Amino acid sequence: MDKRELAVELKHNGYNCCQAVLCAFKDEVDIPEETLKKMGASFGGGMGCMESTCGALCGAQMLLGLKKYNGKPIIKDAAVLHREFTEKSGASICKELKGIGTGKVLCECDDCVRNAVGLL
């Protein structure tokens, strides 16, 4: 199964957006799924308040570090990931993505999850 669709399936089965992205890559990182779920538990819903960064993007940033960090800064890679996610999704802040205050949904959660996984 495509990792993007696996992540969406996880999202529909009790995982928050961050957990879904993290756990879709469990076969590529040497971390048990239960630990990945714990790592991502507080990042759903824009860190629980919808005022912060999308959980799917947070999960993708964590994975970027797990997969790419080798002792040298990866800040430029993180900036690229953030920019590309924002371009693809329309924003990076949860409430903006969901249209809270504007009534205009920029990107549904499933698509945020797909975008985050696809960019990795």
PDB file of N, CA and C in Angstrom:
ATOM      1  N   MET A   1       0.846  -1.184   0.000  1.00  0.00           N
ATOM      2  CA  MET A   1       0.000   0.000   0.000  1.00  0.00           C
ATOM      3  C   MET A   1       0.889   1.243   0.000  1.00  0.00           C
ATOM      4  N   ASP A   2       0.521   2.220  -0.766  1.00  0.00           N
ATOM      5  CA  ASP A   2       1.197   3.514  -0.815  1.00  0.00           C
ATOM      6  C   ASP A   2       1.226   4.126   0.589  1.00  0.00           C
ATOM      7  N   LYS A   3       2.360   4.673   0.992  1.00  0.00           N
ATOM      8  CA  LYS A   3       2.502   5.248   2.339  1.00  0.00           C
ATOM      9  C   LYS A   3       1.508   6.383   2.594  1.00  0.00           C
ATOM     10  N   ARG A   4       1.179   7.138   1.571  1.00  0.00           N
ATOM     11  CA  ARG A   4       0.201   8.226   1.753  1.00  0.00           C
ATOM     12  C   ARG A   4      -1.152   7.663   2.166  1.00  0.00           C
ATOM     13  N   GLU A   5      -1.575   6.610   1.488  1.00  0.00           N
ATOM     14  CA  GLU A   5      -2.878   6.018   1.809  1.00  0.00           C
ATOM     15  C   GLU A   5      -2.823   5.226   3.111  1.00  0.00           C
ATOM     16  N   LEU A   6      -1.676   4.628   3.416  1.00  0.00           N
ATOM     17  CA  LEU A   6      -1.512   3.965   4.711  1.00  0.00           C
ATOM     18  C   LEU A   6      -1.682   4.978   5.833  1.00  0.00           C
ATOM     19  N   ALA A   7      -1.070   6.140   5.688  1.00  0.00           N
ATOM     20  CA  ALA A   7      -1.177   7.180   6.713  1.00  0.00           C
ATOM     21  C   ALA A   7      -2.629   7.635   6.873  1.00  0.00           C
ATOM     22  N   VAL A   8      -3.348   7.807   5.773  1.00  0.00           N
ATOM     23  CA  VAL A   8      -4.755   8.206   5.853  1.00  0.00           C
ATOM     24  C   VAL A   8      -5.570   7.114   6.541  1.00  0.00           C
ATOM     25  N   GLU A   9      -5.283   5.870   6.216  1.00  0.00           N
ATOM     26  CA  GLU A   9      -5.980   4.757   6.870  1.00  0.00           C
ATOM     27  C   GLU A   9      -5.730   4.778   8.377  1.00  0.00           C
ATOM     28  N   LEU A  10      -4.480   5.014   8.776  1.00  0.00           N
ATOM     29  CA  LEU A  10      -4.169   5.112  10.205  1.00  0.00           C
ATOM     30  C   LEU A  10      -4.951   6.261  10.841  1.00  0.00           C
ATOM     31  N   LYS A  11      -5.017   7.383  10.135  1.00  0.00           N
ATOM     32  CA  LYS A  11      -5.752   8.558  10.624  1.00  0.00           C
ATOM     33  C   LYS A  11      -7.217   8.209  10.875  1.00  0.00           C
ATOM     34  N   HIS A  12      -7.783   7.373  10.039  1.00  0.00           N
ATOM     35  CA  HIS A  12      -9.189   6.984  10.185  1.00  0.00           C
ATOM     36  C   HIS A  12      -9.380   5.870  11.212  1.00  0.00           C
ATOM     37  N   ASN A  13      -8.284   5.410  11.789  1.00  0.00           N
ATOM     38  CA  ASN A  13      -8.365   4.328  12.768  1.00  0.00           C
ATOM     39  C   ASN A  13      -7.753   4.720  14.110  1.00  0.00           C
ATOM     40  N   GLY A  14      -7.967   5.978  14.504  1.00  0.00           N
ATOM     41  CA  GLY A  14      -7.619   6.395  15.854  1.00  0.00           C
ATOM     42  C   GLY A  14      -6.298   7.112  16.031  1.00  0.00           C
ATOM     43  N   TYR A  15      -5.529   7.282  14.981  1.00  0.00           N
ATOM     44  CA  TYR A  15      -4.266   7.999  15.065  1.00  0.00           C
ATOM     45  C   TYR A  15      -4.528   9.472  14.745  1.00  0.00           C
ATOM     46  N   ASN A  16      -3.819  10.383  15.425  1.00  0.00           N
ATOM     47  CA  ASN A  16      -3.933  11.777  15.013  1.00  0.00           C
ATOM     48  C   ASN A  16      -3.049  11.980  13.776  1.00  0.00           C
ATOM     49  N   CYS A  17      -3.083  13.166  13.200  1.00  0.00           N
ATOM     50  CA  CYS A  17      -2.351  13.414  11.945  1.00  0.00           C
ATOM     51  C   CYS A  17      -0.853  13.145  12.093  1.00  0.00           C
ATOM     52  N   CYS A  18      -0.269  13.601  13.189  1.00  0.00           N
ATOM     53  CA  CYS A  18       1.163  13.405  13.413  1.00  0.00           C
ATOM     54  C   CYS A  18       1.490  11.921  13.564  1.00  0.00           C
ATOM     55  N   GLN A  19       0.725  11.230  14.390  1.00  0.00           N
ATOM     56  CA  GLN A  19       0.951   9.800  14.593  1.00  0.00           C
ATOM     57  C   GLN A  19       0.810   9.024  13.288  1.00  0.00           C
ATOM     58  N   ALA A  20      -0.168   9.392  12.484  1.00  0.00           N
ATOM     59  CA  ALA A  20      -0.400   8.698  11.217  1.00  0.00           C
ATOM     60  C   ALA A  20       0.802   8.834  10.291  1.00  0.00           C
ATOM     61  N   VAL A  21       1.353  10.045  10.212  1.00  0.00           N
ATOM     62  CA  VAL A  21       2.531  10.266   9.361  1.00  0.00           C
ATOM     63  C   VAL A  21       3.721   9.484   9.918  1.00  0.00           C
ATOM     64  N   LEU A  22       3.974   9.607  11.202  1.00  0.00           N
ATOM     65  CA  LEU A  22       5.105   8.892  11.803  1.00  0.00           C
ATOM     66  C   LEU A  22       4.996   7.388  11.589  1.00  0.00           C
ATOM     67  N   CYS A  23       3.834   6.823  11.889  1.00  0.00           N
ATOM     68  CA  CYS A  23       3.684   5.368  11.840  1.00  0.00           C
ATOM     69  C   CYS A  23       3.648   4.810  10.425  1.00  0.00           C
ATOM     70  N   ALA A  24       3.346   5.651   9.439  1.00  0.00           N
ATOM     71  CA  ALA A  24       3.403   5.189   8.048  1.00  0.00           C
ATOM     72  C   ALA A  24       4.837   4.844   7.654  1.00  0.00           C
ATOM     73  N   PHE A  25       5.812   5.386   8.381  1.00  0.00           N
ATOM     74  CA  PHE A  25       7.231   5.144   8.085  1.00  0.00           C
ATOM     75  C   PHE A  25       7.892   4.204   9.088  1.00  0.00           C
ATOM     76  N   LYS A  26       7.084   3.468   9.859  1.00  0.00           N
ATOM     77  CA  LYS A  26       7.658   2.603  10.898  1.00  0.00           C
ATOM     78  C   LYS A  26       8.637   1.574  10.338  1.00  0.00           C
ATOM     79  N   ASP A  27       8.464   1.203   9.075  1.00  0.00           N
ATOM     80  CA  ASP A  27       9.369   0.234   8.462  1.00  0.00           C
ATOM     81  C   ASP A  27      10.710   0.853   8.058  1.00  0.00           C
ATOM     82  N   GLU A  28      10.809   2.186   8.098  1.00  0.00           N
ATOM     83  CA  GLU A  28      12.040   2.867   7.686  1.00  0.00           C
ATOM     84  C   GLU A  28      12.836   3.445   8.843  1.00  0.00           C
ATOM     85  N   VAL A  29      12.267   3.434  10.028  1.00  0.00           N
ATOM     86  CA  VAL A  29      12.973   3.952  11.203  1.00  0.00           C
ATOM     87  C   VAL A  29      13.045   2.852  12.250  1.00  0.00           C
ATOM     88  N   ASP A  30      14.082   2.870  13.034  1.00  0.00           N
ATOM     89  CA  ASP A  30      14.289   1.816  14.022  1.00  0.00           C
ATOM     90  C   ASP A  30      13.662   2.209  15.364  1.00  0.00           C
ATOM     91  N   ILE A  31      12.357   2.477  15.305  1.00  0.00           N
ATOM     92  CA  ILE A  31      11.616   2.883  16.491  1.00  0.00           C
ATOM     93  C   ILE A  31      10.300   2.111  16.487  1.00  0.00           C
ATOM     94  N   PRO A  32       9.952   1.478  17.591  1.00  0.00           N
ATOM     95  CA  PRO A  32       8.692   0.720  17.629  1.00  0.00           C
ATOM     96  C   PRO A  32       7.477   1.626  17.394  1.00  0.00           C
ATOM     97  N   GLU A  33       6.446   1.073  16.779  1.00  0.00           N
ATOM     98  CA  GLU A  33       5.245   1.841  16.468  1.00  0.00           C
ATOM     99  C   GLU A  33       4.650   2.490  17.715  1.00  0.00           C
ATOM    100  N   GLU A  34       4.638   1.783  18.823  1.00  0.00           N
ATOM    101  CA  GLU A  34       4.063   2.346  20.049  1.00  0.00           C
ATOM    102  C   GLU A  34       4.833   3.588  20.495  1.00  0.00           C
ATOM    103  N   THR A  35       6.146   3.582  20.316  1.00  0.00           N
ATOM    104  CA  THR A  35       6.962   4.759  20.653  1.00  0.00           C
ATOM    105  C   THR A  35       6.671   5.908  19.694  1.00  0.00           C
ATOM    106  N   LEU A  36       6.526   5.603  18.410  1.00  0.00           N
ATOM    107  CA  LEU A  36       6.170   6.634  17.433  1.00  0.00           C
ATOM    108  C   LEU A  36       4.823   7.262  17.789  1.00  0.00           C
ATOM    109  N   LYS A  37       3.869   6.427  18.205  1.00  0.00           N
ATOM    110  CA  LYS A  37       2.558   6.946  18.602  1.00  0.00           C
ATOM    111  C   LYS A  37       2.690   7.873  19.816  1.00  0.00           C
ATOM    112  N   LYS A  38       3.514   7.491  20.770  1.00  0.00           N
ATOM    113  CA  LYS A  38       3.725   8.336  21.946  1.00  0.00           C
ATOM    114  C   LYS A  38       4.379   9.654  21.554  1.00  0.00           C
ATOM    115  N   MET A  39       5.372   9.583  20.661  1.00  0.00           N
ATOM    116  CA  MET A  39       6.057  10.800  20.197  1.00  0.00           C
ATOM    117  C   MET A  39       5.086  11.787  19.569  1.00  0.00           C
ATOM    118  N   GLY A  40       4.138  11.292  18.817  1.00  0.00           N
ATOM    119  CA  GLY A  40       3.223  12.150  18.088  1.00  0.00           C
ATOM    120  C   GLY A  40       1.928  12.473  18.812  1.00  0.00           C
ATOM    121  N   ALA A  41       1.747  11.934  20.007  1.00  0.00           N
ATOM    122  CA  ALA A  41       0.459  12.043  20.703  1.00  0.00           C
ATOM    123  C   ALA A  41       0.014  13.479  20.969  1.00  0.00           C
ATOM    124  N   SER A  42       0.930  14.374  21.228  1.00  0.00           N
ATOM    125  CA  SER A  42       0.537  15.741  21.608  1.00  0.00           C
ATOM    126  C   SER A  42       0.560  16.727  20.439  1.00  0.00           C
ATOM    127  N   PHE A  43       0.766  16.237  19.228  1.00  0.00           N
ATOM    128  CA  PHE A  43       0.880  17.124  18.067  1.00  0.00           C
ATOM    129  C   PHE A  43      -0.377  17.170  17.208  1.00  0.00           C
ATOM    130  N   GLY A  44      -1.392  16.401  17.547  1.00  0.00           N
ATOM    131  CA  GLY A  44      -2.631  16.432  16.788  1.00  0.00           C
ATOM    132  C   GLY A  44      -3.378  17.739  17.015  1.00  0.00           C
ATOM    133  N   GLY A  45      -4.143  18.140  16.017  1.00  0.00           N
ATOM    134  CA  GLY A  45      -4.956  19.348  16.147  1.00  0.00           C
ATOM    135  C   GLY A  45      -4.141  20.595  16.397  1.00  0.00           C
ATOM    136  N   GLY A  46      -3.031  20.729  15.694  1.00  0.00           N
ATOM    137  CA  GLY A  46      -2.198  21.922  15.874  1.00  0.00           C
ATOM    138  C   GLY A  46      -1.696  22.040  17.303  1.00  0.00           C
ATOM    139  N   MET A  47      -1.176  20.947  17.829  1.00  0.00           N
ATOM    140  CA  MET A  47      -0.683  20.835  19.211  1.00  0.00           C
ATOM    141  C   MET A  47      -1.816  21.011  20.218  1.00  0.00           C
ATOM    142  N   GLY A  48      -2.991  20.511  19.829  1.00  0.00           N
ATOM    143  CA  GLY A  48      -4.124  20.474  20.730  1.00  0.00           C
ATOM    144  C   GLY A  48      -4.957  21.739  20.794  1.00  0.00           C
ATOM    145  N   CYS A  49      -4.533  22.793  20.113  1.00  0.00           N
ATOM    146  CA  CYS A  49      -5.280  24.057  20.216  1.00  0.00           C
ATOM    147  C   CYS A  49      -5.615  24.653  18.854  1.00  0.00           C
ATOM    148  N   MET A  50      -5.202  23.999  17.805  1.00  0.00           N
ATOM    149  CA  MET A  50      -5.382  24.445  16.426  1.00  0.00           C
ATOM    150  C   MET A  50      -4.648  25.751  16.116  1.00  0.00           C
ATOM    151  N   GLU A  51      -3.912  26.290  17.056  1.00  0.00           N
ATOM    152  CA  GLU A  51      -3.198  27.553  16.884  1.00  0.00           C
ATOM    153  C   GLU A  51      -1.775  27.347  16.365  1.00  0.00           C
ATOM    154  N   SER A  52      -1.334  26.106  16.320  1.00  0.00           N
ATOM    155  CA  SER A  52       0.059  25.833  15.985  1.00  0.00           C
ATOM    156  C   SER A  52       0.177  25.024  14.697  1.00  0.00           C
ATOM    157  N   THR A  53       1.380  24.589  14.430  1.00  0.00           N
ATOM    158  CA  THR A  53       1.702  23.868  13.194  1.00  0.00           C
ATOM    159  C   THR A  53       0.890  22.584  13.067  1.00  0.00           C
ATOM    160  N   CYS A  54       0.444  22.329  11.860  1.00  0.00           N
ATOM    161  CA  CYS A  54      -0.273  21.098  11.517  1.00  0.00           C
ATOM    162  C   CYS A  54       0.498  19.878  12.018  1.00  0.00           C
ATOM    163  N   GLY A  55      -0.218  18.958  12.644  1.00  0.00           N
ATOM    164  CA  GLY A  55       0.412  17.752  13.166  1.00  0.00           C
ATOM    165  C   GLY A  55       1.067  16.904  12.091  1.00  0.00           C
ATOM    166  N   ALA A  56       0.475  16.872  10.899  1.00  0.00           N
ATOM    167  CA  ALA A  56       1.073  16.094   9.809  1.00  0.00           C
ATOM    168  C   ALA A  56       2.443  16.654   9.446  1.00  0.00           C
ATOM    169  N   LEU A  57       2.561  17.969   9.415  1.00  0.00           N
ATOM    170  CA  LEU A  57       3.851  18.595   9.128  1.00  0.00           C
ATOM    171  C   LEU A  57       4.832  18.354  10.263  1.00  0.00           C
ATOM    172  N   CYS A  58       4.362  18.405  11.491  1.00  0.00           N
ATOM    173  CA  CYS A  58       5.242  18.112  12.639  1.00  0.00           C
ATOM    174  C   CYS A  58       5.809  16.693  12.519  1.00  0.00           C
ATOM    175  N   GLY A  59       4.956  15.743  12.189  1.00  0.00           N
ATOM    176  CA  GLY A  59       5.413  14.364  12.018  1.00  0.00           C
ATOM    177  C   GLY A  59       6.428  14.248  10.895  1.00  0.00           C
ATOM    178  N   ALA A  60       6.179  14.950   9.795  1.00  0.00           N
ATOM    179  CA  ALA A  60       7.122  14.914   8.673  1.00  0.00           C
ATOM    180  C   ALA A  60       8.465  15.512   9.070  1.00  0.00           C
ATOM    181  N   GLN A  61       8.444  16.584   9.853  1.00  0.00           N
ATOM    182  CA  GLN A  61       9.697  17.195  10.310  1.00  0.00           C
ATOM    183  C   GLN A  61      10.456  16.240  11.225  1.00  0.00           C
ATOM    184  N   MET A  62       9.751  15.538  12.108  1.00  0.00           N
ATOM    185  CA  MET A  62      10.414  14.554  12.974  1.00  0.00           C
ATOM    186  C   MET A  62      11.062  13.454  12.133  1.00  0.00           C
ATOM    187  N   LEU A  63      10.330  12.985  11.142  1.00  0.00           N
ATOM    188  CA  LEU A  63      10.874  11.937  10.273  1.00  0.00           C
ATOM    189  C   LEU A  63      12.061  12.428   9.468  1.00  0.00           C
ATOM    190  N   LEU A  64      12.008  13.666   9.025  1.00  0.00           N
ATOM    191  CA  LEU A  64      13.144  14.244   8.312  1.00  0.00           C
ATOM    192  C   LEU A  64      14.404  14.144   9.179  1.00  0.00           C
ATOM    193  N   GLY A  65      14.264  14.498  10.430  1.00  0.00           N
ATOM    194  CA  GLY A  65      15.401  14.387  11.350  1.00  0.00           C
ATOM    195  C   GLY A  65      15.852  12.954  11.555  1.00  0.00           C
ATOM    196  N   LEU A  66      14.901  12.055  11.752  1.00  0.00           N
ATOM    197  CA  LEU A  66      15.237  10.648  11.968  1.00  0.00           C
ATOM    198  C   LEU A  66      15.937  10.038  10.757  1.00  0.00           C
ATOM    199  N   LYS A  67      15.508  10.438   9.574  1.00  0.00           N
ATOM    200  CA  LYS A  67      16.041   9.830   8.360  1.00  0.00           C
ATOM    201  C   LYS A  67      17.300  10.510   7.830  1.00  0.00           C
ATOM    202  N   LYS A  68      17.449  11.819   8.073  1.00  0.00           N
ATOM    203  CA  LYS A  68      18.518  12.552   7.400  1.00  0.00           C
ATOM    204  C   LYS A  68      19.636  13.057   8.314  1.00  0.00           C
ATOM    205  N   TYR A  69      19.335  13.307   9.584  1.00  0.00           N
ATOM    206  CA  TYR A  69      20.326  13.909  10.476  1.00  0.00           C
ATOM    207  C   TYR A  69      21.523  12.980  10.665  1.00  0.00           C
ATOM    208  N   ASN A  70      22.718  13.536  10.459  1.00  0.00           N
ATOM    209  CA  ASN A  70      23.949  12.758  10.631  1.00  0.00           C
ATOM    210  C   ASN A  70      25.003  13.567  11.387  1.00  0.00           C
ATOM    211  N   GLY A  71      24.554  14.438  12.262  1.00  0.00           N
ATOM    212  CA  GLY A  71      25.478  15.259  13.038  1.00  0.00           C
ATOM    213  C   GLY A  71      25.641  16.668  12.499  1.00  0.00           C
ATOM    214  N   LYS A  72      25.135  16.895  11.308  1.00  0.00           N
ATOM    215  CA  LYS A  72      25.215  18.224  10.698  1.00  0.00           C
ATOM    216  C   LYS A  72      23.807  18.824  10.631  1.00  0.00           C
ATOM    217  N   PRO A  73      23.707  20.146  10.736  1.00  0.00           N
ATOM    218  CA  PRO A  73      22.388  20.788  10.706  1.00  0.00           C
ATOM    219  C   PRO A  73      21.595  20.440   9.443  1.00  0.00           C
ATOM    220  N   ILE A  74      20.298  20.296   9.637  1.00  0.00           N
ATOM    221  CA  ILE A  74      19.402  20.054   8.498  1.00  0.00           C
ATOM    222  C   ILE A  74      18.321  21.142   8.435  1.00  0.00           C
ATOM    223  N   ILE A  75      18.649  22.303   8.960  1.00  0.00           N
ATOM    224  CA  ILE A  75      17.711  23.417   9.009  1.00  0.00           C
ATOM    225  C   ILE A  75      17.219  23.802   7.611  1.00  0.00           C
ATOM    226  N   LYS A  76      18.115  23.806   6.631  1.00  0.00           N
ATOM    227  CA  LYS A  76      17.696  24.154   5.267  1.00  0.00           C
ATOM    228  C   LYS A  76      16.699  23.139   4.732  1.00  0.00           C
ATOM    229  N   ASP A  77      16.926  21.866   5.026  1.00  0.00           N
ATOM    230  CA  ASP A  77      15.992  20.822   4.594  1.00  0.00           C
ATOM    231  C   ASP A  77      14.644  21.006   5.285  1.00  0.00           C
ATOM    232  N   ALA A  78      14.676  21.362   6.564  1.00  0.00           N
ATOM    233  CA  ALA A  78      13.440  21.604   7.311  1.00  0.00           C
ATOM    234  C   ALA A  78      12.680  22.783   6.711  1.00  0.00           C
ATOM    235  N   ALA A  79      13.395  23.827   6.336  1.00  0.00           N
ATOM    236  CA  ALA A  79      12.765  25.006   5.731  1.00  0.00           C
ATOM    237  C   ALA A  79      12.129  24.647   4.391  1.00  0.00           C
ATOM    238  N   VAL A  80      12.800  23.832   3.608  1.00  0.00           N
ATOM    239  CA  VAL A  80      12.257  23.404   2.314  1.00  0.00           C
ATOM    240  C   VAL A  80      10.981  22.588   2.533  1.00  0.00           C
ATOM    241  N   LEU A  81      11.026  21.656   3.477  1.00  0.00           N
ATOM    242  CA  LEU A  81       9.849  20.841   3.771  1.00  0.00           C
ATOM    243  C   LEU A  81       8.678  21.728   4.191  1.00  0.00           C
ATOM    244  N   HIS A  82       8.942  22.686   5.068  1.00  0.00           N
ATOM    245  CA  HIS A  82       7.890  23.599   5.521  1.00  0.00           C
ATOM    246  C   HIS A  82       7.322  24.399   4.347  1.00  0.00           C
ATOM    247  N   ARG A  83       8.196  24.954   3.526  1.00  0.00           N
ATOM    248  CA  ARG A  83       7.755  25.752   2.383  1.00  0.00           C
ATOM    249  C   ARG A  83       6.923  24.917   1.409  1.00  0.00           C
ATOM    250  N   GLU A  84       7.403  23.725   1.087  1.00  0.00           N
ATOM    251  CA  GLU A  84       6.691  22.880   0.127  1.00  0.00           C
ATOM    252  C   GLU A  84       5.332  22.435   0.672  1.00  0.00           C
ATOM    253  N   PHE A  85       5.291  22.113   1.965  1.00  0.00           N
ATOM    254  CA  PHE A  85       4.013  21.736   2.573  1.00  0.00           C
ATOM    255  C   PHE A  85       3.038  22.911   2.505  1.00  0.00           C
ATOM    256  N   THR A  86       3.526  24.093   2.843  1.00  0.00           N
ATOM    257  CA  THR A  86       2.687  25.288   2.828  1.00  0.00           C
ATOM    258  C   THR A  86       2.181  25.590   1.423  1.00  0.00           C
ATOM    259  N   GLU A  87       3.048  25.467   0.435  1.00  0.00           N
ATOM    260  CA  GLU A  87       2.637  25.696  -0.955  1.00  0.00           C
ATOM    261  C   GLU A  87       1.577  24.693  -1.396  1.00  0.00           C
ATOM    262  N   LYS A  88       1.776  23.442  -1.015  1.00  0.00           N
ATOM    263  CA  LYS A  88       0.871  22.377  -1.443  1.00  0.00           C
ATOM    264  C   LYS A  88      -0.462  22.416  -0.693  1.00  0.00           C
ATOM    265  N   SER A  89      -0.418  22.777   0.586  1.00  0.00           N
ATOM    266  CA  SER A  89      -1.607  22.712   1.442  1.00  0.00           C
ATOM    267  C   SER A  89      -2.313  24.057   1.614  1.00  0.00           C
ATOM    268  N   GLY A  90      -1.615  25.147   1.377  1.00  0.00           N
ATOM    269  CA  GLY A  90      -2.210  26.466   1.515  1.00  0.00           C
ATOM    270  C   GLY A  90      -1.863  27.194   2.785  1.00  0.00           C
ATOM    271  N   ALA A  91      -1.302  26.487   3.756  1.00  0.00           N
ATOM    272  CA  ALA A  91      -0.899  27.062   5.043  1.00  0.00           C
ATOM    273  C   ALA A  91      -0.164  25.982   5.823  1.00  0.00           C
ATOM    274  N   SER A  92       0.365  26.326   6.982  1.00  0.00           N
ATOM    275  CA  SER A  92       0.979  25.320   7.853  1.00  0.00           C
ATOM    276  C   SER A  92       0.365  25.321   9.246  1.00  0.00           C
ATOM    277  N   ILE A  93      -0.470  26.320   9.537  1.00  0.00           N
ATOM    278  CA  ILE A  93      -1.124  26.410  10.839  1.00  0.00           C
ATOM    279  C   ILE A  93      -2.482  25.716  10.757  1.00  0.00           C
ATOM    280  N   CYS A  94      -2.748  24.865  11.727  1.00  0.00           N
ATOM    281  CA  CYS A  94      -3.942  24.019  11.711  1.00  0.00           C
ATOM    282  C   CYS A  94      -5.222  24.823  11.485  1.00  0.00           C
ATOM    283  N   LYS A  95      -5.460  25.861  12.264  1.00  0.00           N
ATOM    284  CA  LYS A  95      -6.736  26.583  12.140  1.00  0.00           C
ATOM    285  C   LYS A  95      -6.881  27.265  10.780  1.00  0.00           C
ATOM    286  N   GLU A  96      -5.771  27.680  10.175  1.00  0.00           N
ATOM    287  CA  GLU A  96      -5.837  28.263   8.836  1.00  0.00           C
ATOM    288  C   GLU A  96      -6.188  27.195   7.806  1.00  0.00           C
ATOM    289  N   LEU A  97      -5.594  26.026   7.958  1.00  0.00           N
ATOM    290  CA  LEU A  97      -5.888  24.914   7.058  1.00  0.00           C
ATOM    291  C   LEU A  97      -7.353  24.517   7.137  1.00  0.00           C
ATOM    292  N   LYS A  98      -7.915  24.559   8.330  1.00  0.00           N
ATOM    293  CA  LYS A  98      -9.291  24.125   8.565  1.00  0.00           C
ATOM    294  C   LYS A  98     -10.311  25.235   8.341  1.00  0.00           C
ATOM    295  N   GLY A  99      -9.852  26.449   8.070  1.00  0.00           N
ATOM    296  CA  GLY A  99     -10.772  27.552   7.791  1.00  0.00           C
ATOM    297  C   GLY A  99     -11.439  28.130   9.025  1.00  0.00           C
ATOM    298  N   ILE A 100     -10.854  27.922  10.193  1.00  0.00           N
ATOM    299  CA  ILE A 100     -11.416  28.488  11.421  1.00  0.00           C
ATOM    300  C   ILE A 100     -11.269  30.011  11.337  1.00  0.00           C
ATOM    301  N   GLY A 101     -12.366  30.703  11.450  1.00  0.00           N
ATOM    302  CA  GLY A 101     -12.348  32.158  11.374  1.00  0.00           C
ATOM    303  C   GLY A 101     -12.623  32.700   9.987  1.00  0.00           C
ATOM    304  N   THR A 102     -12.332  31.908   8.963  1.00  0.00           N
ATOM    305  CA  THR A 102     -12.570  32.379   7.586  1.00  0.00           C
ATOM    306  C   THR A 102     -13.708  31.619   6.917  1.00  0.00           C
ATOM    307  N   GLY A 103     -13.961  30.413   7.393  1.00  0.00           N
ATOM    308  CA  GLY A 103     -14.974  29.570   6.763  1.00  0.00           C
ATOM    309  C   GLY A 103     -14.497  28.904   5.488  1.00  0.00           C
ATOM    310  N   LYS A 104     -13.244  29.160   5.099  1.00  0.00           N
ATOM    311  CA  LYS A 104     -12.704  28.580   3.867  1.00  0.00           C
ATOM    312  C   LYS A 104     -11.642  27.534   4.220  1.00  0.00           C
ATOM    313  N   VAL A 105     -11.993  26.263   4.057  1.00  0.00           N
ATOM    314  CA  VAL A 105     -11.057  25.173   4.309  1.00  0.00           C
ATOM    315  C   VAL A 105     -10.025  25.155   3.191  1.00  0.00           C
ATOM    316  N   LEU A 106      -8.754  25.252   3.572  1.00  0.00           N
ATOM    317  CA  LEU A 106      -7.676  25.233   2.584  1.00  0.00           C
ATOM    318  C   LEU A 106      -7.234  23.813   2.263  1.00  0.00           C
ATOM    319  N   CYS A 107      -7.267  22.940   3.273  1.00  0.00           N
ATOM    320  CA  CYS A 107      -6.803  21.568   3.070  1.00  0.00           C
ATOM    321  C   CYS A 107      -7.387  20.684   4.173  1.00  0.00           C
ATOM    322  N   GLU A 108      -8.100  19.649   3.786  1.00  0.00           N
ATOM    323  CA  GLU A 108      -8.651  18.701   4.760  1.00  0.00           C
ATOM    324  C   GLU A 108      -7.519  17.899   5.402  1.00  0.00           C
ATOM    325  N   CYS A 109      -7.780  17.363   6.578  1.00  0.00           N
ATOM    326  CA  CYS A 109      -6.757  16.591   7.303  1.00  0.00           C
ATOM    327  C   CYS A 109      -6.179  15.451   6.458  1.00  0.00           C
ATOM    328  N   ASP A 110      -7.042  14.698   5.783  1.00  0.00           N
ATOM    329  CA  ASP A 110      -6.543  13.581   4.973  1.00  0.00           C
ATOM    330  C   ASP A 110      -5.522  14.072   3.947  1.00  0.00           C
ATOM    331  N   ASP A 111      -5.802  15.207   3.329  1.00  0.00           N
ATOM    332  CA  ASP A 111      -4.883  15.726   2.316  1.00  0.00           C
ATOM    333  C   ASP A 111      -3.618  16.307   2.949  1.00  0.00           C
ATOM    334  N   CYS A 112      -3.724  16.882   4.131  1.00  0.00           N
ATOM    335  CA  CYS A 112      -2.517  17.328   4.843  1.00  0.00           C
ATOM    336  C   CYS A 112      -1.609  16.140   5.128  1.00  0.00           C
ATOM    337  N   VAL A 113      -2.212  15.045   5.564  1.00  0.00           N
ATOM    338  CA  VAL A 113      -1.451  13.820   5.829  1.00  0.00           C
ATOM    339  C   VAL A 113      -0.811  13.317   4.539  1.00  0.00           C
ATOM    340  N   ARG A 114      -1.578  13.256   3.475  1.00  0.00           N
ATOM    341  CA  ARG A 114      -1.027  12.814   2.170  1.00  0.00           C
ATOM    342  C   ARG A 114       0.122  13.723   1.732  1.00  0.00           C
ATOM    343  N   ASN A 115      -0.078  15.024   1.868  1.00  0.00           N
ATOM    344  CA  ASN A 115       0.959  15.971   1.442  1.00  0.00           C
ATOM    345  C   ASN A 115       2.235  15.794   2.245  1.00  0.00           C
ATOM    346  N   ALA A 116       2.101  15.671   3.557  1.00  0.00           N
ATOM    347  CA  ALA A 116       3.278  15.507   4.414  1.00  0.00           C
ATOM    348  C   ALA A 116       4.046  14.237   4.056  1.00  0.00           C
ATOM    349  N   VAL A 117       3.327  13.140   3.901  1.00  0.00           N
ATOM    350  CA  VAL A 117       3.981  11.871   3.554  1.00  0.00           C
ATOM    351  C   VAL A 117       4.601  11.951   2.165  1.00  0.00           C
ATOM    352  N   GLY A 118       3.884  12.516   1.225  1.00  0.00           N
ATOM    353  CA  GLY A 118       4.383  12.621  -0.150  1.00  0.00           C
ATOM    354  C   GLY A 118       5.647  13.449  -0.258  1.00  0.00           C
ATOM    355  N   LEU A 119       5.759  14.471   0.558  1.00  0.00           N
ATOM    356  CA  LEU A 119       6.950  15.337   0.503  1.00  0.00           C
ATOM    357  C   LEU A 119       8.186  14.652   1.070  1.00  0.00           C
ATOM    358  N   LEU A 120       7.977  13.650   1.900  1.00  0.00           N
ATOM    359  CA  LEU A 120       9.138  12.924   2.428  1.00  0.00           C
ATOM    360  C   LEU A 120       9.703  11.978   1.383  1.00  0.00           C
TER     361      LEU A 120
END
